[in-house]
Amino acid sequence: MDRRRPIPVILYFVLCNFCVCDIYNGITLFSNSAGQSHTYLISNNHNFINIWDHSSGIVGTPYLLKDRTIVVQLKSGTHYFGNSHGPIGGRFNRMDWDGNLLWDFSYHDYTY
């Protein structure tokens, strides 16, 4: 078995990764899941563009809409699964750019 073959193949993949990877112009939206709940919008230079505060913990991924509002899924304090370590989400908030709550919607029941 020729042991020299994997080296060119590995080298090829490493070079392709360096040629293709790049930082694109844009922004990043993310939320923390521990401690106080915030959603952050940052630039590629790590400058904060906006920060939203939330009344309870974030469960899922935040979404930035075209009208500059965000939609986030929050932990629900009234889910029906007890201490079963089941789903804890089921609450959705939409907030404007200034952090004002536009709507708070709960979507959970005894069966979901």
N, C-alpha and C. Protein backbone atom coordinates (compact mmCIF):
# COMPACT_ATOMS: atom_id res chain seq x y z
N MET A 1 0.84 -1.18 0.00
CA MET A 1 0.00 0.00 0.00
C MET A 1 0.89 1.24 0.00
N ASP A 2 0.60 2.14 -0.89
CA ASP A 2 1.38 3.37 -1.03
C ASP A 2 0.90 4.40 -0.02
N ARG A 3 1.77 4.80 0.91
CA ARG A 3 1.39 5.71 1.99
C ARG A 3 1.56 7.17 1.59
N ARG A 4 2.08 7.45 0.41
CA ARG A 4 2.31 8.84 -0.01
C ARG A 4 1.06 9.49 -0.59
N ARG A 5 0.07 8.74 -0.93
CA ARG A 5 -1.12 9.30 -1.57
C ARG A 5 -1.95 10.22 -0.68
N PRO A 6 -2.14 9.92 0.59
CA PRO A 6 -2.99 10.80 1.40
C PRO A 6 -2.42 12.21 1.56
N ILE A 7 -1.12 12.38 1.50
CA ILE A 7 -0.53 13.71 1.72
C ILE A 7 -0.98 14.71 0.66
N PRO A 8 -0.92 14.40 -0.65
CA PRO A 8 -1.41 15.38 -1.62
C PRO A 8 -2.91 15.66 -1.49
N VAL A 9 -3.68 14.66 -1.13
CA VAL A 9 -5.12 14.86 -0.97
C VAL A 9 -5.40 15.78 0.21
N ILE A 10 -4.74 15.55 1.33
CA ILE A 10 -4.91 16.40 2.50
C ILE A 10 -4.44 17.81 2.20
N LEU A 11 -3.30 17.94 1.55
CA LEU A 11 -2.78 19.25 1.18
C LEU A 11 -3.76 19.99 0.27
N TYR A 12 -4.37 19.28 -0.66
CA TYR A 12 -5.36 19.87 -1.56
C TYR A 12 -6.53 20.46 -0.76
N PHE A 13 -7.08 19.69 0.19
CA PHE A 13 -8.21 20.17 0.98
C PHE A 13 -7.83 21.35 1.87
N VAL A 14 -6.64 21.34 2.42
CA VAL A 14 -6.19 22.46 3.26
C VAL A 14 -6.06 23.72 2.41
N LEU A 15 -5.46 23.62 1.24
CA LEU A 15 -5.32 24.78 0.37
C LEU A 15 -6.67 25.30 -0.11
N CYS A 16 -7.58 24.40 -0.42
CA CYS A 16 -8.92 24.83 -0.85
C CYS A 16 -9.63 25.59 0.26
N ASN A 17 -9.48 25.15 1.49
CA ASN A 17 -10.12 25.85 2.61
C ASN A 17 -9.55 27.25 2.78
N PHE A 18 -8.25 27.41 2.62
CA PHE A 18 -7.66 28.74 2.75
C PHE A 18 -8.05 29.65 1.60
N CYS A 19 -8.26 29.10 0.43
CA CYS A 19 -8.63 29.92 -0.73
C CYS A 19 -10.10 30.34 -0.68
N VAL A 20 -10.95 29.51 -0.11
CA VAL A 20 -12.38 29.76 -0.13
C VAL A 20 -12.85 30.55 1.09
N CYS A 21 -12.22 30.34 2.24
CA CYS A 21 -12.71 31.01 3.45
C CYS A 21 -12.44 32.51 3.37
N ASP A 22 -13.43 33.26 3.84
CA ASP A 22 -13.33 34.71 3.78
C ASP A 22 -14.35 35.29 4.76
N ILE A 23 -14.12 36.48 5.20
CA ILE A 23 -15.09 37.19 6.03
C ILE A 23 -15.93 38.05 5.10
N TYR A 24 -17.22 37.88 5.18
CA TYR A 24 -18.13 38.61 4.31
C TYR A 24 -18.66 39.84 5.04
N ASN A 25 -18.92 40.88 4.28
CA ASN A 25 -19.52 42.07 4.87
C ASN A 25 -20.91 41.72 5.37
N GLY A 26 -21.20 42.11 6.56
CA GLY A 26 -22.51 41.80 7.10
C GLY A 26 -22.56 42.01 8.59
N ILE A 27 -23.58 41.46 9.19
CA ILE A 27 -23.82 41.60 10.61
C ILE A 27 -24.15 40.23 11.19
N THR A 28 -24.06 40.12 12.51
CA THR A 28 -24.36 38.88 13.21
C THR A 28 -25.39 39.15 14.29
N LEU A 29 -26.43 38.34 14.33
CA LEU A 29 -27.47 38.45 15.35
C LEU A 29 -27.44 37.18 16.19
N PHE A 30 -27.31 37.34 17.51
CA PHE A 30 -27.29 36.17 18.39
C PHE A 30 -27.83 36.55 19.76
N SER A 31 -28.22 35.52 20.51
CA SER A 31 -28.72 35.71 21.88
C SER A 31 -27.93 34.82 22.82
N ASN A 32 -27.78 35.28 24.05
CA ASN A 32 -27.15 34.43 25.06
C ASN A 32 -28.23 33.58 25.73
N SER A 33 -27.83 32.43 26.23
CA SER A 33 -28.81 31.55 26.86
C SER A 33 -28.61 31.44 28.36
N ALA A 34 -27.59 32.07 28.90
CA ALA A 34 -27.33 32.00 30.34
C ALA A 34 -27.34 33.41 30.92
N GLY A 35 -27.74 33.50 32.17
CA GLY A 35 -27.76 34.80 32.82
C GLY A 35 -28.89 35.67 32.30
N GLN A 36 -28.69 36.99 32.35
CA GLN A 36 -29.68 37.90 31.81
C GLN A 36 -29.80 37.69 30.32
N SER A 37 -31.01 37.74 29.80
CA SER A 37 -31.24 37.46 28.39
C SER A 37 -31.14 38.73 27.56
N HIS A 38 -30.28 38.68 26.58
CA HIS A 38 -30.09 39.78 25.65
C HIS A 38 -29.95 39.22 24.24
N THR A 39 -30.33 40.01 23.26
CA THR A 39 -30.05 39.71 21.86
C THR A 39 -29.12 40.80 21.36
N TYR A 40 -28.06 40.38 20.67
CA TYR A 40 -27.03 41.31 20.22
C TYR A 40 -26.97 41.33 18.70
N LEU A 41 -26.83 42.51 18.14
CA LEU A 41 -26.57 42.69 16.72
C LEU A 41 -25.20 43.35 16.63
N ILE A 42 -24.22 42.64 16.03
CA ILE A 42 -22.86 43.16 15.98
C ILE A 42 -22.35 43.18 14.54
N SER A 43 -21.36 44.03 14.31
CA SER A 43 -20.71 44.11 13.00
C SER A 43 -19.53 43.14 12.99
N ASN A 44 -18.89 43.00 11.82
CA ASN A 44 -17.71 42.15 11.71
C ASN A 44 -16.54 42.68 12.53
N ASN A 45 -16.57 43.96 12.89
CA ASN A 45 -15.52 44.55 13.71
C ASN A 45 -15.82 44.43 15.19
N HIS A 46 -16.83 43.65 15.54
CA HIS A 46 -17.26 43.42 16.92
C HIS A 46 -17.80 44.68 17.59
N ASN A 47 -18.33 45.59 16.80
CA ASN A 47 -19.00 46.77 17.33
C ASN A 47 -20.48 46.44 17.52
N PHE A 48 -21.02 46.82 18.67
CA PHE A 48 -22.44 46.59 18.93
C PHE A 48 -23.27 47.58 18.12
N ILE A 49 -24.20 47.04 17.34
CA ILE A 49 -25.12 47.88 16.57
C ILE A 49 -26.38 48.12 17.39
N ASN A 50 -26.87 47.05 18.04
CA ASN A 50 -28.05 47.17 18.90
C ASN A 50 -28.06 46.03 19.90
N ILE A 51 -28.70 46.26 21.04
CA ILE A 51 -28.88 45.24 22.08
C ILE A 51 -30.32 45.32 22.55
N TRP A 52 -30.99 44.16 22.61
CA TRP A 52 -32.35 44.06 23.11
C TRP A 52 -32.32 43.26 24.42
N ASP A 53 -33.08 43.70 25.41
CA ASP A 53 -33.21 43.00 26.70
C ASP A 53 -34.52 42.22 26.70
N HIS A 54 -34.50 41.04 27.35
CA HIS A 54 -35.68 40.18 27.40
C HIS A 54 -36.05 39.87 28.84
N SER A 55 -37.32 39.62 29.07
CA SER A 55 -37.83 39.38 30.42
C SER A 55 -37.55 37.97 30.92
N SER A 56 -37.30 37.02 30.02
CA SER A 56 -36.97 35.66 30.43
C SER A 56 -35.95 35.09 29.45
N GLY A 57 -35.51 33.87 29.72
CA GLY A 57 -34.43 33.26 28.95
C GLY A 57 -34.80 32.98 27.50
N ILE A 58 -33.81 33.10 26.63
CA ILE A 58 -33.98 32.80 25.21
C ILE A 58 -33.87 31.30 25.00
N VAL A 59 -34.72 30.75 24.15
CA VAL A 59 -34.69 29.33 23.85
C VAL A 59 -34.10 29.07 22.47
N GLY A 60 -34.52 29.81 21.48
CA GLY A 60 -34.10 29.53 20.11
C GLY A 60 -33.29 30.64 19.49
N THR A 61 -33.23 30.62 18.19
CA THR A 61 -32.48 31.59 17.41
C THR A 61 -33.31 32.85 17.19
N PRO A 62 -32.73 34.03 17.39
CA PRO A 62 -33.48 35.26 17.11
C PRO A 62 -33.53 35.52 15.60
N TYR A 63 -34.54 36.23 15.17
CA TYR A 63 -34.69 36.57 13.75
C TYR A 63 -34.83 38.08 13.61
N LEU A 64 -34.05 38.65 12.71
CA LEU A 64 -34.14 40.07 12.39
C LEU A 64 -34.97 40.20 11.12
N LEU A 65 -36.06 40.95 11.20
CA LEU A 65 -36.95 41.12 10.06
C LEU A 65 -36.59 42.38 9.28
N LYS A 66 -37.13 42.49 8.08
CA LYS A 66 -36.80 43.62 7.20
C LYS A 66 -37.17 44.97 7.78
N ASP A 67 -38.18 45.00 8.64
CA ASP A 67 -38.60 46.27 9.23
C ASP A 67 -37.82 46.61 10.50
N ARG A 68 -36.70 45.93 10.73
CA ARG A 68 -35.78 46.15 11.85
C ARG A 68 -36.37 45.73 13.20
N THR A 69 -37.38 44.88 13.18
CA THR A 69 -37.89 44.28 14.40
C THR A 69 -37.27 42.89 14.54
N ILE A 70 -37.29 42.36 15.75
CA ILE A 70 -36.79 41.00 15.97
C ILE A 70 -37.90 40.14 16.54
N VAL A 71 -37.81 38.84 16.26
CA VAL A 71 -38.70 37.84 16.84
C VAL A 71 -37.81 36.84 17.57
N VAL A 72 -38.13 36.59 18.85
CA VAL A 72 -37.36 35.65 19.65
C VAL A 72 -38.30 34.68 20.34
N GLN A 73 -37.80 33.45 20.58
CA GLN A 73 -38.56 32.47 21.34
C GLN A 73 -38.00 32.47 22.76
N LEU A 74 -38.89 32.58 23.74
CA LEU A 74 -38.50 32.68 25.14
C LEU A 74 -38.96 31.47 25.93
N LYS A 75 -38.34 31.28 27.08
CA LYS A 75 -38.78 30.24 28.01
C LYS A 75 -40.14 30.63 28.57
N SER A 76 -41.00 29.66 28.67
CA SER A 76 -42.33 29.89 29.24
C SER A 76 -42.34 29.42 30.68
N GLY A 77 -42.83 30.24 31.56
CA GLY A 77 -42.94 29.85 32.95
C GLY A 77 -44.15 29.00 33.24
N THR A 78 -45.02 28.82 32.25
CA THR A 78 -46.27 28.09 32.47
C THR A 78 -46.41 26.90 31.54
N HIS A 79 -45.31 26.27 31.16
CA HIS A 79 -45.45 25.08 30.32
C HIS A 79 -46.01 23.94 31.16
N TYR A 80 -46.54 22.92 30.52
CA TYR A 80 -47.31 21.90 31.22
C TYR A 80 -46.57 20.58 31.40
N PHE A 81 -45.27 20.57 31.28
CA PHE A 81 -44.54 19.32 31.34
C PHE A 81 -43.91 19.07 32.70
N GLY A 82 -44.17 19.92 33.67
CA GLY A 82 -43.66 19.71 35.02
C GLY A 82 -42.15 19.66 35.06
N ASN A 83 -41.62 18.71 35.82
CA ASN A 83 -40.17 18.56 35.94
C ASN A 83 -39.64 17.47 35.02
N SER A 84 -40.30 17.26 33.91
CA SER A 84 -39.92 16.17 33.01
C SER A 84 -38.75 16.55 32.10
N HIS A 85 -38.22 17.74 32.24
CA HIS A 85 -37.16 18.24 31.36
C HIS A 85 -37.62 18.26 29.92
N GLY A 86 -38.89 18.43 29.72
CA GLY A 86 -39.46 18.53 28.38
C GLY A 86 -39.30 19.93 27.83
N PRO A 87 -40.07 20.28 26.84
CA PRO A 87 -39.95 21.59 26.20
C PRO A 87 -40.20 22.72 27.19
N ILE A 88 -39.44 23.77 27.07
CA ILE A 88 -39.61 24.92 27.95
C ILE A 88 -39.90 26.19 27.17
N GLY A 89 -40.04 26.08 25.87
CA GLY A 89 -40.32 27.25 25.04
C GLY A 89 -41.80 27.50 24.95
N GLY A 90 -42.23 27.98 23.82
CA GLY A 90 -43.64 28.21 23.60
C GLY A 90 -44.09 29.64 23.77
N ARG A 91 -43.16 30.54 23.96
CA ARG A 91 -43.49 31.96 24.10
C ARG A 91 -42.67 32.73 23.08
N PHE A 92 -43.33 33.63 22.35
CA PHE A 92 -42.66 34.40 21.31
C PHE A 92 -42.87 35.88 21.54
N ASN A 93 -41.81 36.64 21.35
CA ASN A 93 -41.88 38.10 21.46
C ASN A 93 -41.42 38.73 20.16
N ARG A 94 -42.06 39.85 19.85
CA ARG A 94 -41.58 40.68 18.74
C ARG A 94 -41.28 42.05 19.33
N MET A 95 -40.08 42.55 19.04
CA MET A 95 -39.64 43.82 19.62
C MET A 95 -39.17 44.74 18.51
N ASP A 96 -39.41 46.04 18.71
CA ASP A 96 -38.94 47.01 17.72
C ASP A 96 -37.47 47.34 17.98
N TRP A 97 -36.91 48.23 17.15
CA TRP A 97 -35.49 48.57 17.21
C TRP A 97 -35.10 49.16 18.57
N ASP A 98 -36.04 49.86 19.21
CA ASP A 98 -35.76 50.51 20.49
C ASP A 98 -36.00 49.61 21.69
N GLY A 99 -36.38 48.36 21.46
CA GLY A 99 -36.59 47.42 22.55
C GLY A 99 -37.99 47.39 23.11
N ASN A 100 -38.92 48.07 22.45
CA ASN A 100 -40.31 48.06 22.90
C ASN A 100 -40.98 46.76 22.47
N LEU A 101 -41.73 46.17 23.37
CA LEU A 101 -42.43 44.92 23.09
C LEU A 101 -43.65 45.21 22.21
N LEU A 102 -43.69 44.62 21.01
CA LEU A 102 -44.81 44.81 20.10
C LEU A 102 -45.89 43.77 20.34
N TRP A 103 -45.49 42.52 20.55
CA TRP A 103 -46.44 41.49 20.95
C TRP A 103 -45.73 40.37 21.68
N ASP A 104 -46.53 39.70 22.54
CA ASP A 104 -46.08 38.57 23.34
C ASP A 104 -47.10 37.47 23.12
N PHE A 105 -46.68 36.36 22.51
CA PHE A 105 -47.60 35.31 22.10
C PHE A 105 -47.16 33.99 22.73
N SER A 106 -48.06 33.32 23.43
CA SER A 106 -47.78 32.01 24.01
C SER A 106 -48.43 30.94 23.15
N TYR A 107 -47.66 29.89 22.87
CA TYR A 107 -48.14 28.81 22.03
C TYR A 107 -47.76 27.49 22.69
N HIS A 108 -48.54 27.10 23.69
CA HIS A 108 -48.33 25.81 24.34
C HIS A 108 -49.63 25.38 24.98
N ASP A 109 -49.74 24.08 25.20
CA ASP A 109 -50.96 23.49 25.76
C ASP A 109 -50.55 22.21 26.49
N TYR A 110 -51.53 21.46 26.97
CA TYR A 110 -51.23 20.21 27.65
C TYR A 110 -50.67 19.16 26.70
N THR A 111 -50.91 19.30 25.41
CA THR A 111 -50.47 18.29 24.45
C THR A 111 -49.28 18.73 23.61
N TYR A 112 -48.88 19.98 23.64
CA TYR A 112 -47.73 20.44 22.87
C TYR A 112 -47.08 21.62 23.54
